[in-house]
Amino acid sequence: MSAFLAGLLRLRLFGYGQPLPPTVREVLEDFVAREAAGAAPEHRQVLIVQGVVAVLLLLGLALHAAGWA
């Protein structure tokens, strides 16, 4: 518990977790919109496959599936 509290304190001391200024948020939102508009359907399919593989890896780790083989 003390390590958790020390971590929270350290994050606050160095400015992590602070809200973004509106101008920075606007620039980031514009960038995301441009990237999404130019994305090909194949890119979306690649992201879906990567997500499925990540879930399978997490399930394998959680269930210790590697030890059964």
N, C-alpha and C. Protein backbone atom coordinates (compact mmCIF):
# COMPACT_ATOMS: atom_id res chain seq x y z
N MET A 1 0.82 -1.19 0.00
CA MET A 1 0.00 0.00 0.00
C MET A 1 0.86 1.26 0.00
N SER A 2 1.98 1.21 0.70
CA SER A 2 2.83 2.40 0.74
C SER A 2 3.46 2.68 -0.63
N ALA A 3 3.77 1.63 -1.39
CA ALA A 3 4.33 1.83 -2.74
C ALA A 3 3.29 2.48 -3.64
N PHE A 4 2.04 2.10 -3.48
CA PHE A 4 0.96 2.69 -4.28
C PHE A 4 0.83 4.18 -3.98
N LEU A 5 0.84 4.52 -2.70
CA LEU A 5 0.72 5.92 -2.32
C LEU A 5 1.94 6.73 -2.78
N ALA A 6 3.12 6.14 -2.68
CA ALA A 6 4.32 6.83 -3.15
C ALA A 6 4.26 7.06 -4.65
N GLY A 7 3.73 6.10 -5.39
CA GLY A 7 3.57 6.26 -6.83
C GLY A 7 2.61 7.38 -7.17
N LEU A 8 1.50 7.45 -6.45
CA LEU A 8 0.55 8.53 -6.69
C LEU A 8 1.17 9.88 -6.39
N LEU A 9 1.92 9.96 -5.32
CA LEU A 9 2.56 11.22 -4.95
C LEU A 9 3.58 11.63 -6.02
N ARG A 10 4.35 10.67 -6.50
CA ARG A 10 5.36 10.96 -7.51
C ARG A 10 4.70 11.45 -8.80
N LEU A 11 3.60 10.85 -9.18
CA LEU A 11 2.91 11.27 -10.39
C LEU A 11 2.44 12.71 -10.27
N ARG A 12 1.93 13.08 -9.12
CA ARG A 12 1.46 14.45 -8.92
C ARG A 12 2.62 15.44 -8.90
N LEU A 13 3.75 15.03 -8.35
CA LEU A 13 4.89 15.94 -8.26
C LEU A 13 5.45 16.30 -9.63
N PHE A 14 5.41 15.36 -10.57
CA PHE A 14 6.00 15.60 -11.87
C PHE A 14 4.97 16.03 -12.91
N GLY A 15 3.74 16.30 -12.51
CA GLY A 15 2.75 16.87 -13.41
C GLY A 15 2.01 15.87 -14.28
N TYR A 16 2.10 14.59 -14.01
CA TYR A 16 1.34 13.62 -14.78
C TYR A 16 -0.12 13.67 -14.35
N GLY A 17 -1.01 13.42 -15.28
CA GLY A 17 -2.42 13.39 -14.96
C GLY A 17 -3.09 14.74 -14.97
N GLN A 18 -2.39 15.76 -15.42
CA GLN A 18 -2.97 17.10 -15.49
C GLN A 18 -3.84 17.20 -16.74
N PRO A 19 -4.90 18.00 -16.71
CA PRO A 19 -5.74 18.16 -17.90
C PRO A 19 -4.97 18.86 -19.03
N LEU A 20 -5.32 18.46 -20.25
CA LEU A 20 -4.67 19.07 -21.41
C LEU A 20 -5.19 20.48 -21.65
N PRO A 21 -4.34 21.37 -22.08
CA PRO A 21 -4.84 22.68 -22.48
C PRO A 21 -5.75 22.53 -23.72
N PRO A 22 -6.73 23.38 -23.87
CA PRO A 22 -7.67 23.24 -24.99
C PRO A 22 -7.01 23.26 -26.36
N THR A 23 -5.95 24.04 -26.53
CA THR A 23 -5.29 24.08 -27.85
C THR A 23 -4.61 22.76 -28.17
N VAL A 24 -4.01 22.12 -27.18
CA VAL A 24 -3.36 20.83 -27.40
C VAL A 24 -4.42 19.77 -27.72
N ARG A 25 -5.52 19.79 -26.99
CA ARG A 25 -6.59 18.83 -27.24
C ARG A 25 -7.13 19.00 -28.67
N GLU A 26 -7.28 20.24 -29.12
CA GLU A 26 -7.79 20.50 -30.46
C GLU A 26 -6.84 19.96 -31.53
N VAL A 27 -5.55 20.17 -31.34
CA VAL A 27 -4.57 19.67 -32.30
C VAL A 27 -4.61 18.14 -32.36
N LEU A 28 -4.68 17.50 -31.21
CA LEU A 28 -4.74 16.04 -31.18
C LEU A 28 -6.02 15.50 -31.80
N GLU A 29 -7.15 16.14 -31.54
CA GLU A 29 -8.41 15.69 -32.13
C GLU A 29 -8.40 15.87 -33.65
N ASP A 30 -7.82 16.96 -34.14
CA ASP A 30 -7.71 17.16 -35.59
C ASP A 30 -6.83 16.09 -36.22
N PHE A 31 -5.73 15.75 -35.56
CA PHE A 31 -4.84 14.71 -36.08
C PHE A 31 -5.55 13.37 -36.15
N VAL A 32 -6.28 13.01 -35.11
CA VAL A 32 -6.99 11.74 -35.09
C VAL A 32 -8.05 11.70 -36.19
N ALA A 33 -8.76 12.80 -36.39
CA ALA A 33 -9.78 12.85 -37.44
C ALA A 33 -9.15 12.69 -38.82
N ARG A 34 -8.01 13.34 -39.06
CA ARG A 34 -7.33 13.20 -40.36
C ARG A 34 -6.85 11.77 -40.58
N GLU A 35 -6.29 11.17 -39.54
CA GLU A 35 -5.80 9.79 -39.66
C GLU A 35 -6.95 8.82 -39.92
N ALA A 36 -8.07 9.01 -39.23
CA ALA A 36 -9.21 8.11 -39.40
C ALA A 36 -9.82 8.26 -40.79
N ALA A 37 -9.83 9.48 -41.32
CA ALA A 37 -10.40 9.71 -42.64
C ALA A 37 -9.55 9.06 -43.73
N GLY A 38 -8.24 9.00 -43.54
CA GLY A 38 -7.36 8.44 -44.54
C GLY A 38 -7.05 6.97 -44.36
N ALA A 39 -7.61 6.34 -43.35
CA ALA A 39 -7.30 4.94 -43.07
C ALA A 39 -8.01 4.03 -44.06
N ALA A 40 -7.28 3.04 -44.55
CA ALA A 40 -7.84 2.06 -45.47
C ALA A 40 -8.56 0.97 -44.67
N PRO A 41 -9.53 0.32 -45.31
CA PRO A 41 -10.24 -0.78 -44.61
C PRO A 41 -9.28 -1.89 -44.16
N GLU A 42 -8.19 -2.08 -44.90
CA GLU A 42 -7.23 -3.12 -44.53
C GLU A 42 -6.58 -2.79 -43.18
N HIS A 43 -6.37 -1.51 -42.93
CA HIS A 43 -5.78 -1.09 -41.66
C HIS A 43 -6.70 -1.46 -40.50
N ARG A 44 -7.99 -1.26 -40.68
CA ARG A 44 -8.96 -1.63 -39.65
C ARG A 44 -8.95 -3.13 -39.40
N GLN A 45 -8.84 -3.90 -40.47
CA GLN A 45 -8.80 -5.36 -40.32
C GLN A 45 -7.56 -5.81 -39.57
N VAL A 46 -6.44 -5.16 -39.85
CA VAL A 46 -5.20 -5.50 -39.14
C VAL A 46 -5.35 -5.21 -37.65
N LEU A 47 -5.96 -4.08 -37.31
CA LEU A 47 -6.16 -3.73 -35.90
C LEU A 47 -7.09 -4.73 -35.21
N ILE A 48 -8.11 -5.20 -35.91
CA ILE A 48 -9.02 -6.19 -35.33
C ILE A 48 -8.28 -7.49 -35.05
N VAL A 49 -7.48 -7.94 -36.01
CA VAL A 49 -6.72 -9.19 -35.82
C VAL A 49 -5.74 -9.03 -34.66
N GLN A 50 -5.07 -7.90 -34.56
CA GLN A 50 -4.15 -7.67 -33.45
C GLN A 50 -4.89 -7.69 -32.12
N GLY A 51 -6.08 -7.13 -32.07
CA GLY A 51 -6.87 -7.14 -30.84
C GLY A 51 -7.26 -8.55 -30.44
N VAL A 52 -7.68 -9.36 -31.41
CA VAL A 52 -8.07 -10.74 -31.12
C VAL A 52 -6.87 -11.53 -30.61
N VAL A 53 -5.73 -11.35 -31.25
CA VAL A 53 -4.52 -12.06 -30.81
C VAL A 53 -4.13 -11.62 -29.40
N ALA A 54 -4.25 -10.33 -29.10
CA ALA A 54 -3.93 -9.85 -27.76
C ALA A 54 -4.83 -10.49 -26.71
N VAL A 55 -6.11 -10.59 -27.02
CA VAL A 55 -7.05 -11.22 -26.07
C VAL A 55 -6.70 -12.70 -25.89
N LEU A 56 -6.36 -13.39 -26.97
CA LEU A 56 -5.98 -14.80 -26.85
C LEU A 56 -4.71 -14.97 -26.02
N LEU A 57 -3.75 -14.07 -26.21
CA LEU A 57 -2.53 -14.14 -25.40
C LEU A 57 -2.82 -13.91 -23.92
N LEU A 58 -3.67 -12.94 -23.63
CA LEU A 58 -4.03 -12.68 -22.23
C LEU A 58 -4.76 -13.87 -21.61
N LEU A 59 -5.66 -14.47 -22.37
CA LEU A 59 -6.36 -15.65 -21.86
C LEU A 59 -5.38 -16.80 -21.63
N GLY A 60 -4.45 -16.97 -22.56
CA GLY A 60 -3.45 -18.02 -22.39
C GLY A 60 -2.60 -17.80 -21.16
N LEU A 61 -2.21 -16.56 -20.91
CA LEU A 61 -1.43 -16.27 -19.70
C LEU A 61 -2.26 -16.47 -18.45
N ALA A 62 -3.51 -16.03 -18.49
CA ALA A 62 -4.36 -16.12 -17.30
C ALA A 62 -4.66 -17.58 -16.94
N LEU A 63 -4.81 -18.41 -17.96
CA LEU A 63 -5.17 -19.81 -17.71
C LEU A 63 -3.95 -20.75 -17.68
N HIS A 64 -2.77 -20.19 -17.81
CA HIS A 64 -1.54 -20.97 -17.81
C HIS A 64 -1.59 -22.05 -18.89
N ALA A 65 -2.12 -21.70 -20.05
CA ALA A 65 -2.31 -22.66 -21.15
C ALA A 65 -0.97 -23.18 -21.66
N ALA A 66 0.10 -22.43 -21.53
CA ALA A 66 1.39 -22.89 -22.04
C ALA A 66 1.90 -24.11 -21.27
N GLY A 67 1.50 -24.26 -20.04
CA GLY A 67 1.94 -25.38 -19.23
C GLY A 67 1.24 -26.68 -19.57
N TRP A 68 0.15 -26.63 -20.30
CA TRP A 68 -0.60 -27.83 -20.64
C TRP A 68 -0.03 -28.55 -21.85
N ALA A 69 0.74 -27.86 -22.65
CA ALA A 69 1.23 -28.47 -23.88
C ALA A 69 2.39 -29.40 -23.62
